[in-house]
Amino acid sequence: MKNSKYIITLLVGILFIFNSCQKDQYDMGELVAPTSVNLTYEIIGVDAENPFGDGSGVVNFTATADNEITFTFDFGDGKDKQVVADGKVTHQFSINGTVTYNVTVSAVGTGGITSTKTLQVEVFSSFSDDEALEFLTGGGSKSWFWAADQPGFAGLGPTTEDSENGEFTYAAWWSTAAWDPDKACMYENTEFVFTKTDNGLTFEQISGPGFIPGTYAGDIGVPGDVCIGEDVAPNLYGVKNVSFSPSSSPASIAGSYRGTTMSMSDGGFMCWFVGTSEYDIIEVTENILRVRIKEDDTYSWYHTFTNVKPEQK
């Protein structure tokens, strides 16, 4: 009798689990993989004399598929992947010379199921900023540090123009004081190294933590305005390739910046973690590096670095 009750209870439990799974599957909807994935591209400036483009490195991509929700592009050049809904995206390749890239588009369907398509794209880029490279590296390897002794070595402003006086080109909303004690963890032992190589330029943060502001911390569900390590920012350390490209941001144009964008491979960044690896160079000299980082369509950050480590007196 006891065995019969046990068997009945077990059967009821199995039926309950089975029904629950069926309900979850029903609520989720039918899982359908995208089909007929196609990828086409147009290299800007292609003609009989320039079969791989005009040197700008700009390529327009168009992806199509059936049963897709969105598309994810991996451009094969170490820059961040890009997600677009309509399958249309413009990307600028910035490694000098004629280079072949494996560009992959993933069509994403219900439940995250993906179907991919990969093409090889051969693109010519001729943009260079040799002066910036020499300033950053000193012709070899050169260390840089937070300019913590200068007021406003870190600041925040709007990404887009919100007034007629160009507030989106400088830290209009907030800037830190020199030797800000709330930021001490990020600048006391932090060192960055730029190195000139046979193939161009590399970057490495060789010491110190990362720092995550509250504006971005909420996006990834961690505490903000604190120093962080590789558990939060896995790409904090390690050698990154650096490439230059012409800056086309409205802030660079309106603010009369240098006109050069510096991009780091493999998710690299200079301590301040906001999920981007691209920096508009505002100014670079033998001793000073000033940059702007676009976090998103609302927030942009301004940072100043120096090649002489400041000493607090």
C-alpha atoms as a PDB file:
ATOM      1  CA  MET A   1       0.000   0.000   0.000  1.00  0.00           C
ATOM      2  CA  LYS A   2       2.793   2.347   0.939  1.00  0.00           C
ATOM      3  CA  ASN A   3       4.553   1.519  -2.342  1.00  0.00           C
ATOM      4  CA  SER A   4       1.397   2.311  -4.291  1.00  0.00           C
ATOM      5  CA  LYS A   5       1.125   5.739  -2.628  1.00  0.00           C
ATOM      6  CA  TYR A   6       4.788   6.399  -3.403  1.00  0.00           C
ATOM      7  CA  ILE A   7       4.338   5.473  -7.071  1.00  0.00           C
ATOM      8  CA  ILE A   8       1.235   7.660  -7.401  1.00  0.00           C
ATOM      9  CA  THR A   9       3.025  10.623  -5.795  1.00  0.00           C
ATOM     10  CA  LEU A  10       5.992  10.171  -8.122  1.00  0.00           C
ATOM     11  CA  LEU A  11       3.769  10.034 -11.212  1.00  0.00           C
ATOM     12  CA  VAL A  12       1.923  13.189 -10.154  1.00  0.00           C
ATOM     13  CA  GLY A  13       5.270  14.964  -9.697  1.00  0.00           C
ATOM     14  CA  ILE A  14       6.483  13.910 -13.138  1.00  0.00           C
ATOM     15  CA  LEU A  15       3.243  15.089 -14.747  1.00  0.00           C
ATOM     16  CA  PHE A  16       3.545  18.426 -12.944  1.00  0.00           C
ATOM     17  CA  ILE A  17       7.119  18.931 -14.200  1.00  0.00           C
ATOM     18  CA  PHE A  18       6.135  17.878 -17.725  1.00  0.00           C
ATOM     19  CA  ASN A  19       3.207  20.290 -17.783  1.00  0.00           C
ATOM     20  CA  SER A  20       5.363  23.091 -16.419  1.00  0.00           C
ATOM     21  CA  CYS A  21       7.972  22.537 -19.132  1.00  0.00           C
ATOM     22  CA  GLN A  22       5.244  22.498 -21.778  1.00  0.00           C
ATOM     23  CA  LYS A  23       3.863  25.759 -20.404  1.00  0.00           C
ATOM     24  CA  ASP A  24       7.323  27.371 -20.435  1.00  0.00           C
ATOM     25  CA  GLN A  25       7.828  26.257 -24.017  1.00  0.00           C
ATOM     26  CA  TYR A  26       4.415  27.596 -24.961  1.00  0.00           C
ATOM     27  CA  ASP A  27       5.055  30.930 -23.257  1.00  0.00           C
ATOM     28  CA  MET A  28       8.407  31.219 -25.002  1.00  0.00           C
ATOM     29  CA  GLY A  29       6.950  30.594 -28.407  1.00  0.00           C
ATOM     30  CA  GLU A  30       8.318  28.464 -31.210  1.00  0.00           C
ATOM     31  CA  LEU A  31      12.108  28.560 -31.476  1.00  0.00           C
ATOM     32  CA  VAL A  32      12.990  29.335 -35.089  1.00  0.00           C
ATOM     33  CA  ALA A  33      16.500  29.679 -36.475  1.00  0.00           C
ATOM     34  CA  PRO A  34      16.939  32.441 -39.067  1.00  0.00           C
ATOM     35  CA  THR A  35      17.425  31.222 -42.635  1.00  0.00           C
ATOM     36  CA  SER A  36      18.694  32.618 -45.939  1.00  0.00           C
ATOM     37  CA  VAL A  37      21.317  34.798 -44.234  1.00  0.00           C
ATOM     38  CA  ASN A  38      23.027  37.065 -46.769  1.00  0.00           C
ATOM     39  CA  LEU A  39      25.690  39.751 -46.416  1.00  0.00           C
ATOM     40  CA  THR A  40      26.725  42.349 -48.984  1.00  0.00           C
ATOM     41  CA  TYR A  41      29.073  45.305 -48.746  1.00  0.00           C
ATOM     42  CA  GLU A  42      30.183  48.477 -50.499  1.00  0.00           C
ATOM     43  CA  ILE A  43      33.717  49.802 -50.014  1.00  0.00           C
ATOM     44  CA  ILE A  44      33.700  53.578 -50.261  1.00  0.00           C
ATOM     45  CA  GLY A  45      35.791  55.070 -53.054  1.00  0.00           C
ATOM     46  CA  VAL A  46      36.253  51.961 -55.179  1.00  0.00           C
ATOM     47  CA  ASP A  47      37.135  52.662 -58.801  1.00  0.00           C
ATOM     48  CA  ALA A  48      39.495  51.383 -61.467  1.00  0.00           C
ATOM     49  CA  GLU A  49      42.512  52.993 -59.803  1.00  0.00           C
ATOM     50  CA  ASN A  50      41.443  52.173 -56.228  1.00  0.00           C
ATOM     51  CA  PRO A  51      40.059  48.610 -56.196  1.00  0.00           C
ATOM     52  CA  PHE A  52      40.101  48.438 -52.377  1.00  0.00           C
ATOM     53  CA  GLY A  53      38.738  51.895 -51.613  1.00  0.00           C
ATOM     54  CA  ASP A  54      39.890  55.481 -51.339  1.00  0.00           C
ATOM     55  CA  GLY A  55      41.958  54.988 -48.162  1.00  0.00           C
ATOM     56  CA  SER A  56      39.252  56.075 -45.733  1.00  0.00           C
ATOM     57  CA  GLY A  57      38.634  52.427 -44.763  1.00  0.00           C
ATOM     58  CA  VAL A  58      34.870  53.011 -44.717  1.00  0.00           C
ATOM     59  CA  VAL A  59      32.608  50.110 -45.735  1.00  0.00           C
ATOM     60  CA  ASN A  60      28.807  49.933 -45.825  1.00  0.00           C
ATOM     61  CA  PHE A  61      27.336  46.524 -44.937  1.00  0.00           C
ATOM     62  CA  THR A  62      23.834  45.177 -45.513  1.00  0.00           C
ATOM     63  CA  ALA A  63      22.621  41.890 -43.989  1.00  0.00           C
ATOM     64  CA  THR A  64      19.321  40.174 -44.684  1.00  0.00           C
ATOM     65  CA  ALA A  65      17.672  36.996 -43.395  1.00  0.00           C
ATOM     66  CA  ASP A  66      14.315  35.337 -42.856  1.00  0.00           C
ATOM     67  CA  ASN A  67      12.844  34.949 -39.348  1.00  0.00           C
ATOM     68  CA  GLU A  68      15.480  37.198 -37.739  1.00  0.00           C
ATOM     69  CA  ILE A  69      14.944  39.643 -34.866  1.00  0.00           C
ATOM     70  CA  THR A  70      18.255  41.485 -35.050  1.00  0.00           C
ATOM     71  CA  PHE A  71      21.814  41.227 -36.404  1.00  0.00           C
ATOM     72  CA  THR A  72      25.218  41.193 -34.695  1.00  0.00           C
ATOM     73  CA  PHE A  73      28.312  42.181 -36.695  1.00  0.00           C
ATOM     74  CA  ASP A  74      31.863  41.057 -35.893  1.00  0.00           C
ATOM     75  CA  PHE A  75      34.196  42.988 -38.191  1.00  0.00           C
ATOM     76  CA  GLY A  76      37.289  40.902 -37.532  1.00  0.00           C
ATOM     77  CA  ASP A  77      39.512  43.868 -36.672  1.00  0.00           C
ATOM     78  CA  GLY A  78      39.433  43.651 -32.867  1.00  0.00           C
ATOM     79  CA  LYS A  79      36.889  46.419 -32.460  1.00  0.00           C
ATOM     80  CA  ASP A  80      33.666  45.916 -30.526  1.00  0.00           C
ATOM     81  CA  LYS A  81      30.834  43.961 -32.094  1.00  0.00           C
ATOM     82  CA  GLN A  82      27.823  45.984 -33.222  1.00  0.00           C
ATOM     83  CA  VAL A  83      24.143  45.089 -32.928  1.00  0.00           C
ATOM     84  CA  VAL A  84      21.640  46.543 -35.412  1.00  0.00           C
ATOM     85  CA  ALA A  85      18.009  45.792 -36.025  1.00  0.00           C
ATOM     86  CA  ASP A  86      17.754  46.544 -39.748  1.00  0.00           C
ATOM     87  CA  GLY A  87      20.974  44.844 -40.844  1.00  0.00           C
ATOM     88  CA  LYS A  88      22.568  48.052 -42.148  1.00  0.00           C
ATOM     89  CA  VAL A  89      25.803  49.333 -40.643  1.00  0.00           C
ATOM     90  CA  THR A  90      28.816  51.440 -41.627  1.00  0.00           C
ATOM     91  CA  HIS A  91      32.241  50.494 -40.282  1.00  0.00           C
ATOM     92  CA  GLN A  92      35.660  52.093 -40.635  1.00  0.00           C
ATOM     93  CA  PHE A  93      38.679  49.799 -40.860  1.00  0.00           C
ATOM     94  CA  SER A  94      41.810  51.591 -39.740  1.00  0.00           C
ATOM     95  CA  ILE A  95      44.813  49.243 -40.019  1.00  0.00           C
ATOM     96  CA  ASN A  96      47.127  50.897 -42.527  1.00  0.00           C
ATOM     97  CA  GLY A  97      47.619  49.184 -45.854  1.00  0.00           C
ATOM     98  CA  THR A  98      45.455  46.727 -47.767  1.00  0.00           C
ATOM     99  CA  VAL A  99      44.154  44.204 -45.257  1.00  0.00           C
ATOM    100  CA  THR A 100      41.728  41.277 -45.551  1.00  0.00           C
ATOM    101  CA  TYR A 101      39.152  41.024 -42.752  1.00  0.00           C
ATOM    102  CA  ASN A 102      36.799  38.131 -41.938  1.00  0.00           C
ATOM    103  CA  VAL A 103      33.479  39.862 -41.350  1.00  0.00           C
ATOM    104  CA  THR A 104      30.766  37.758 -39.725  1.00  0.00           C
ATOM    105  CA  VAL A 105      27.123  38.636 -39.309  1.00  0.00           C
ATOM    106  CA  SER A 106      24.917  36.637 -36.952  1.00  0.00           C
ATOM    107  CA  ALA A 107      21.186  36.748 -37.552  1.00  0.00           C
ATOM    108  CA  VAL A 108      19.500  36.311 -34.183  1.00  0.00           C
ATOM    109  CA  GLY A 109      16.119  34.577 -33.976  1.00  0.00           C
ATOM    110  CA  THR A 110      13.697  33.725 -31.166  1.00  0.00           C
ATOM    111  CA  GLY A 111      15.293  32.370 -28.032  1.00  0.00           C
ATOM    112  CA  GLY A 112      18.689  33.686 -29.145  1.00  0.00           C
ATOM    113  CA  ILE A 113      19.147  31.068 -31.860  1.00  0.00           C
ATOM    114  CA  THR A 114      21.623  32.376 -34.467  1.00  0.00           C
ATOM    115  CA  SER A 115      22.586  31.672 -38.050  1.00  0.00           C
ATOM    116  CA  THR A 116      25.794  33.196 -39.415  1.00  0.00           C
ATOM    117  CA  LYS A 117      27.395  34.307 -42.643  1.00  0.00           C
ATOM    118  CA  THR A 118      31.084  35.207 -43.086  1.00  0.00           C
ATOM    119  CA  LEU A 119      32.726  37.125 -45.908  1.00  0.00           C
ATOM    120  CA  GLN A 120      36.301  38.190 -46.555  1.00  0.00           C
ATOM    121  CA  VAL A 121      36.558  41.925 -47.202  1.00  0.00           C
ATOM    122  CA  GLU A 122      39.781  43.458 -48.514  1.00  0.00           C
ATOM    123  CA  VAL A 123      40.063  47.141 -47.605  1.00  0.00           C
ATOM    124  CA  PHE A 124      42.708  49.816 -48.057  1.00  0.00           C
ATOM    125  CA  SER A 125      43.313  52.375 -45.274  1.00  0.00           C
ATOM    126  CA  SER A 126      45.872  55.157 -45.567  1.00  0.00           C
ATOM    127  CA  PHE A 127      45.055  57.339 -42.566  1.00  0.00           C
ATOM    128  CA  SER A 128      47.945  57.964 -40.200  1.00  0.00           C
ATOM    129  CA  ASP A 129      48.911  60.374 -37.451  1.00  0.00           C
ATOM    130  CA  ASP A 130      52.662  59.940 -37.163  1.00  0.00           C
ATOM    131  CA  GLU A 131      53.026  62.962 -34.907  1.00  0.00           C
ATOM    132  CA  ALA A 132      50.545  61.546 -32.369  1.00  0.00           C
ATOM    133  CA  LEU A 133      52.350  58.193 -32.486  1.00  0.00           C
ATOM    134  CA  GLU A 134      55.672  59.867 -31.728  1.00  0.00           C
ATOM    135  CA  PHE A 135      54.182  61.932 -28.896  1.00  0.00           C
ATOM    136  CA  LEU A 136      52.569  58.845 -27.329  1.00  0.00           C
ATOM    137  CA  THR A 137      55.634  56.613 -27.569  1.00  0.00           C
ATOM    138  CA  GLY A 138      58.641  58.924 -27.681  1.00  0.00           C
ATOM    139  CA  GLY A 139      59.785  56.766 -30.594  1.00  0.00           C
ATOM    140  CA  GLY A 140      59.941  53.668 -28.369  1.00  0.00           C
ATOM    141  CA  SER A 141      57.969  52.986 -25.178  1.00  0.00           C
ATOM    142  CA  LYS A 142      56.556  55.725 -22.993  1.00  0.00           C
ATOM    143  CA  SER A 143      54.654  55.691 -19.700  1.00  0.00           C
ATOM    144  CA  TRP A 144      51.621  57.856 -19.008  1.00  0.00           C
ATOM    145  CA  PHE A 145      49.760  58.600 -15.768  1.00  0.00           C
ATOM    146  CA  TRP A 146      46.576  60.300 -14.638  1.00  0.00           C
ATOM    147  CA  ALA A 147      47.208  64.052 -14.425  1.00  0.00           C
ATOM    148  CA  ALA A 148      45.807  63.944 -10.898  1.00  0.00           C
ATOM    149  CA  ASP A 149      47.487  67.217  -9.917  1.00  0.00           C
ATOM    150  CA  GLN A 150      45.401  69.123 -12.477  1.00  0.00           C
ATOM    151  CA  PRO A 151      41.797  70.226 -11.779  1.00  0.00           C
ATOM    152  CA  GLY A 152      39.444  68.535 -14.208  1.00  0.00           C
ATOM    153  CA  PHE A 153      41.682  65.552 -14.998  1.00  0.00           C
ATOM    154  CA  ALA A 154      38.373  63.653 -15.197  1.00  0.00           C
ATOM    155  CA  GLY A 155      35.087  65.240 -16.234  1.00  0.00           C
ATOM    156  CA  LEU A 156      31.630  64.619 -17.660  1.00  0.00           C
ATOM    157  CA  GLY A 157      29.556  66.349 -20.308  1.00  0.00           C
ATOM    158  CA  PRO A 158      26.631  65.675 -22.657  1.00  0.00           C
ATOM    159  CA  THR A 159      27.185  63.560 -25.744  1.00  0.00           C
ATOM    160  CA  THR A 160      24.954  65.630 -28.008  1.00  0.00           C
ATOM    161  CA  GLU A 161      24.501  69.364 -28.329  1.00  0.00           C
ATOM    162  CA  ASP A 162      22.027  70.684 -25.761  1.00  0.00           C
ATOM    163  CA  SER A 163      22.737  74.377 -26.194  1.00  0.00           C
ATOM    164  CA  GLU A 164      24.199  76.760 -28.736  1.00  0.00           C
ATOM    165  CA  ASN A 165      27.479  77.299 -26.901  1.00  0.00           C
ATOM    166  CA  GLY A 166      29.045  73.920 -27.616  1.00  0.00           C
ATOM    167  CA  GLU A 167      28.554  72.327 -24.194  1.00  0.00           C
ATOM    168  CA  PHE A 168      28.881  68.880 -25.746  1.00  0.00           C
ATOM    169  CA  THR A 169      32.563  69.513 -26.546  1.00  0.00           C
ATOM    170  CA  TYR A 170      33.874  69.823 -22.984  1.00  0.00           C
ATOM    171  CA  ALA A 171      33.137  68.659 -19.428  1.00  0.00           C
ATOM    172  CA  ALA A 172      30.172  70.963 -18.965  1.00  0.00           C
ATOM    173  CA  TRP A 173      28.392  68.901 -16.279  1.00  0.00           C
ATOM    174  CA  TRP A 174      31.108  67.919 -13.826  1.00  0.00           C
ATOM    175  CA  SER A 175      34.865  67.900 -13.324  1.00  0.00           C
ATOM    176  CA  THR A 176      36.998  66.593 -10.515  1.00  0.00           C
ATOM    177  CA  ALA A 177      39.303  68.607  -8.305  1.00  0.00           C
ATOM    178  CA  ALA A 178      43.047  67.975  -8.278  1.00  0.00           C
ATOM    179  CA  TRP A 179      43.982  65.072  -6.015  1.00  0.00           C
ATOM    180  CA  ASP A 180      40.316  64.128  -5.598  1.00  0.00           C
ATOM    181  CA  PRO A 181      40.336  61.745  -2.584  1.00  0.00           C
ATOM    182  CA  ASP A 182      37.275  59.898  -3.899  1.00  0.00           C
ATOM    183  CA  LYS A 183      39.274  58.862  -7.002  1.00  0.00           C
ATOM    184  CA  ALA A 184      42.595  58.179  -5.261  1.00  0.00           C
ATOM    185  CA  CYS A 185      42.329  54.418  -5.730  1.00  0.00           C
ATOM    186  CA  MET A 186      42.434  54.810  -9.501  1.00  0.00           C
ATOM    187  CA  TYR A 187      45.433  57.100  -9.903  1.00  0.00           C
ATOM    188  CA  GLU A 188      47.877  56.384  -7.068  1.00  0.00           C
ATOM    189  CA  ASN A 189      49.544  53.330  -8.656  1.00  0.00           C
ATOM    190  CA  THR A 190      48.244  53.363 -12.216  1.00  0.00           C
ATOM    191  CA  GLU A 191      50.573  53.361 -15.217  1.00  0.00           C
ATOM    192  CA  PHE A 192      49.878  53.131 -18.957  1.00  0.00           C
ATOM    193  CA  VAL A 193      52.468  52.323 -21.631  1.00  0.00           C
ATOM    194  CA  PHE A 194      52.300  53.115 -25.352  1.00  0.00           C
ATOM    195  CA  THR A 195      54.882  51.346 -27.539  1.00  0.00           C
ATOM    196  CA  LYS A 196      55.909  51.924 -31.141  1.00  0.00           C
ATOM    197  CA  THR A 197      56.343  48.623 -32.974  1.00  0.00           C
ATOM    198  CA  ASP A 198      57.242  47.518 -36.485  1.00  0.00           C
ATOM    199  CA  ASN A 199      53.515  47.114 -37.118  1.00  0.00           C
ATOM    200  CA  GLY A 200      52.310  50.347 -35.547  1.00  0.00           C
ATOM    201  CA  LEU A 201      51.289  51.062 -31.953  1.00  0.00           C
ATOM    202  CA  THR A 202      50.363  49.056 -28.844  1.00  0.00           C
ATOM    203  CA  PHE A 203      48.909  49.987 -25.460  1.00  0.00           C
ATOM    204  CA  GLU A 204      49.047  48.280 -22.072  1.00  0.00           C
ATOM    205  CA  GLN A 205      47.907  49.210 -18.578  1.00  0.00           C
ATOM    206  CA  ILE A 206      50.718  47.664 -16.585  1.00  0.00           C
ATOM    207  CA  SER A 207      49.602  48.576 -13.063  1.00  0.00           C
ATOM    208  CA  GLY A 208      46.677  49.921 -11.107  1.00  0.00           C
ATOM    209  CA  PRO A 209      42.980  49.035 -11.129  1.00  0.00           C
ATOM    210  CA  GLY A 210      40.142  50.073 -13.357  1.00  0.00           C
ATOM    211  CA  PHE A 211      37.447  52.525 -12.319  1.00  0.00           C
ATOM    212  CA  ILE A 212      33.735  52.297 -13.143  1.00  0.00           C
ATOM    213  CA  PRO A 213      31.475  55.358 -12.873  1.00  0.00           C
ATOM    214  CA  GLY A 214      27.922  55.036 -11.655  1.00  0.00           C
ATOM    215  CA  THR A 215      26.503  55.954 -15.070  1.00  0.00           C
ATOM    216  CA  TYR A 216      27.789  52.708 -16.562  1.00  0.00           C
ATOM    217  CA  ALA A 217      27.827  50.469 -13.488  1.00  0.00           C
ATOM    218  CA  GLY A 218      24.041  50.331 -13.431  1.00  0.00           C
ATOM    219  CA  ASP A 219      24.014  49.022 -17.012  1.00  0.00           C
ATOM    220  CA  ILE A 220      25.948  45.903 -16.019  1.00  0.00           C
ATOM    221  CA  GLY A 221      24.571  45.504 -12.493  1.00  0.00           C
ATOM    222  CA  VAL A 222      27.615  46.290 -10.351  1.00  0.00           C
ATOM    223  CA  PRO A 223      28.356  49.020  -7.766  1.00  0.00           C
ATOM    224  CA  GLY A 224      29.537  52.289  -9.262  1.00  0.00           C
ATOM    225  CA  ASP A 225      32.140  54.981  -8.571  1.00  0.00           C
ATOM    226  CA  VAL A 226      34.602  52.372  -7.290  1.00  0.00           C
ATOM    227  CA  CYS A 227      37.846  50.804  -8.443  1.00  0.00           C
ATOM    228  CA  ILE A 228      37.471  47.437 -10.168  1.00  0.00           C
ATOM    229  CA  GLY A 229      39.549  44.497 -11.342  1.00  0.00           C
ATOM    230  CA  GLU A 230      39.409  41.866 -14.050  1.00  0.00           C
ATOM    231  CA  ASP A 231      36.355  40.281 -12.455  1.00  0.00           C
ATOM    232  CA  VAL A 232      34.332  43.263 -13.702  1.00  0.00           C
ATOM    233  CA  ALA A 233      36.486  44.296 -16.668  1.00  0.00           C
ATOM    234  CA  PRO A 234      38.178  41.185 -18.131  1.00  0.00           C
ATOM    235  CA  ASN A 235      40.096  43.236 -20.726  1.00  0.00           C
ATOM    236  CA  LEU A 236      41.705  45.564 -18.185  1.00  0.00           C
ATOM    237  CA  TYR A 237      45.225  44.200 -18.710  1.00  0.00           C
ATOM    238  CA  GLY A 238      47.204  42.799 -21.599  1.00  0.00           C
ATOM    239  CA  VAL A 239      48.746  44.289 -24.719  1.00  0.00           C
ATOM    240  CA  LYS A 240      46.273  45.892 -27.137  1.00  0.00           C
ATOM    241  CA  ASN A 241      46.847  46.998 -30.708  1.00  0.00           C
ATOM    242  CA  VAL A 242      46.050  50.670 -31.287  1.00  0.00           C
ATOM    243  CA  SER A 243      44.881  52.156 -34.569  1.00  0.00           C
ATOM    244  CA  PHE A 244      44.195  55.711 -35.688  1.00  0.00           C
ATOM    245  CA  SER A 245      41.312  56.829 -37.841  1.00  0.00           C
ATOM    246  CA  PRO A 246      39.914  60.219 -38.826  1.00  0.00           C
ATOM    247  CA  SER A 247      37.463  61.480 -36.203  1.00  0.00           C
ATOM    248  CA  SER A 248      34.011  62.264 -37.515  1.00  0.00           C
ATOM    249  CA  SER A 249      32.230  62.916 -34.210  1.00  0.00           C
ATOM    250  CA  PRO A 250      30.266  66.184 -33.944  1.00  0.00           C
ATOM    251  CA  ALA A 251      32.216  67.060 -30.794  1.00  0.00           C
ATOM    252  CA  SER A 252      35.559  66.690 -32.546  1.00  0.00           C
ATOM    253  CA  ILE A 253      34.446  68.919 -35.388  1.00  0.00           C
ATOM    254  CA  ALA A 254      32.694  71.566 -33.292  1.00  0.00           C
ATOM    255  CA  GLY A 255      35.362  71.545 -30.602  1.00  0.00           C
ATOM    256  CA  SER A 256      38.288  71.749 -33.040  1.00  0.00           C
ATOM    257  CA  TYR A 257      39.893  68.610 -31.616  1.00  0.00           C
ATOM    258  CA  ARG A 258      42.943  67.059 -33.235  1.00  0.00           C
ATOM    259  CA  GLY A 259      40.734  65.128 -35.670  1.00  0.00           C
ATOM    260  CA  THR A 260      42.099  61.696 -34.769  1.00  0.00           C
ATOM    261  CA  THR A 261      40.279  58.811 -33.125  1.00  0.00           C
ATOM    262  CA  MET A 262      42.360  56.248 -31.230  1.00  0.00           C
ATOM    263  CA  SER A 263      40.902  52.727 -31.091  1.00  0.00           C
ATOM    264  CA  MET A 264      42.167  49.844 -28.962  1.00  0.00           C
ATOM    265  CA  SER A 265      41.717  46.198 -29.883  1.00  0.00           C
ATOM    266  CA  ASP A 266      40.195  43.473 -27.699  1.00  0.00           C
ATOM    267  CA  GLY A 267      38.104  45.828 -25.573  1.00  0.00           C
ATOM    268  CA  GLY A 268      41.099  47.809 -24.313  1.00  0.00           C
ATOM    269  CA  PHE A 269      40.650  51.018 -22.309  1.00  0.00           C
ATOM    270  CA  MET A 270      42.577  53.444 -20.113  1.00  0.00           C
ATOM    271  CA  CYS A 271      41.378  52.594 -16.587  1.00  0.00           C
ATOM    272  CA  TRP A 272      37.950  54.298 -16.888  1.00  0.00           C
ATOM    273  CA  PHE A 273      35.566  51.466 -17.793  1.00  0.00           C
ATOM    274  CA  VAL A 274      32.468  52.475 -19.756  1.00  0.00           C
ATOM    275  CA  GLY A 275      32.352  49.695 -22.349  1.00  0.00           C
ATOM    276  CA  THR A 276      34.117  51.524 -25.170  1.00  0.00           C
ATOM    277  CA  SER A 277      37.570  51.352 -26.733  1.00  0.00           C
ATOM    278  CA  GLU A 278      37.464  54.500 -28.888  1.00  0.00           C
ATOM    279  CA  TYR A 279      38.947  57.833 -27.854  1.00  0.00           C
ATOM    280  CA  ASP A 280      38.703  61.171 -29.607  1.00  0.00           C
ATOM    281  CA  ILE A 281      42.097  62.812 -29.141  1.00  0.00           C
ATOM    282  CA  ILE A 282      41.466  66.402 -28.114  1.00  0.00           C
ATOM    283  CA  GLU A 283      45.135  67.241 -27.698  1.00  0.00           C
ATOM    284  CA  VAL A 284      48.409  65.334 -27.549  1.00  0.00           C
ATOM    285  CA  THR A 285      51.853  66.803 -26.942  1.00  0.00           C
ATOM    286  CA  GLU A 286      55.103  65.472 -25.579  1.00  0.00           C
ATOM    287  CA  ASN A 287      53.754  65.842 -22.036  1.00  0.00           C
ATOM    288  CA  ILE A 288      49.930  65.930 -22.191  1.00  0.00           C
ATOM    289  CA  LEU A 289      47.212  63.648 -23.570  1.00  0.00           C
ATOM    290  CA  ARG A 290      43.606  64.865 -23.439  1.00  0.00           C
ATOM    291  CA  VAL A 291      40.802  62.618 -24.727  1.00  0.00           C
ATOM    292  CA  ARG A 292      37.027  62.371 -24.956  1.00  0.00           C
ATOM    293  CA  ILE A 293      35.180  59.054 -24.514  1.00  0.00           C
ATOM    294  CA  LYS A 294      31.586  58.600 -25.629  1.00  0.00           C
ATOM    295  CA  GLU A 295      29.855  56.247 -23.184  1.00  0.00           C
ATOM    296  CA  ASP A 296      26.435  56.423 -24.853  1.00  0.00           C
ATOM    297  CA  ASP A 297      24.034  58.953 -26.358  1.00  0.00           C
ATOM    298  CA  THR A 298      23.838  60.797 -23.027  1.00  0.00           C
ATOM    299  CA  TYR A 299      27.245  60.709 -21.315  1.00  0.00           C
ATOM    300  CA  SER A 300      30.730  61.553 -22.559  1.00  0.00           C
ATOM    301  CA  TRP A 301      33.861  61.627 -20.405  1.00  0.00           C
ATOM    302  CA  TYR A 302      36.946  63.835 -20.571  1.00  0.00           C
ATOM    303  CA  HIS A 303      40.341  62.709 -19.274  1.00  0.00           C
ATOM    304  CA  THR A 304      43.811  64.190 -19.017  1.00  0.00           C
ATOM    305  CA  PHE A 305      47.032  62.193 -18.724  1.00  0.00           C
ATOM    306  CA  THR A 306      50.669  63.219 -18.311  1.00  0.00           C
ATOM    307  CA  ASN A 307      53.966  61.467 -18.970  1.00  0.00           C
ATOM    308  CA  VAL A 308      55.410  62.746 -15.680  1.00  0.00           C
ATOM    309  CA  LYS A 309      53.929  60.986 -12.658  1.00  0.00           C
ATOM    310  CA  PRO A 310      52.462  63.653 -10.346  1.00  0.00           C
ATOM    311  CA  GLU A 311      53.640  63.685  -6.750  1.00  0.00           C
ATOM    312  CA  GLN A 312      51.246  64.966  -4.110  1.00  0.00           C
ATOM    313  CA  LYS A 313      52.962  67.360  -1.687  1.00  0.00           C
END
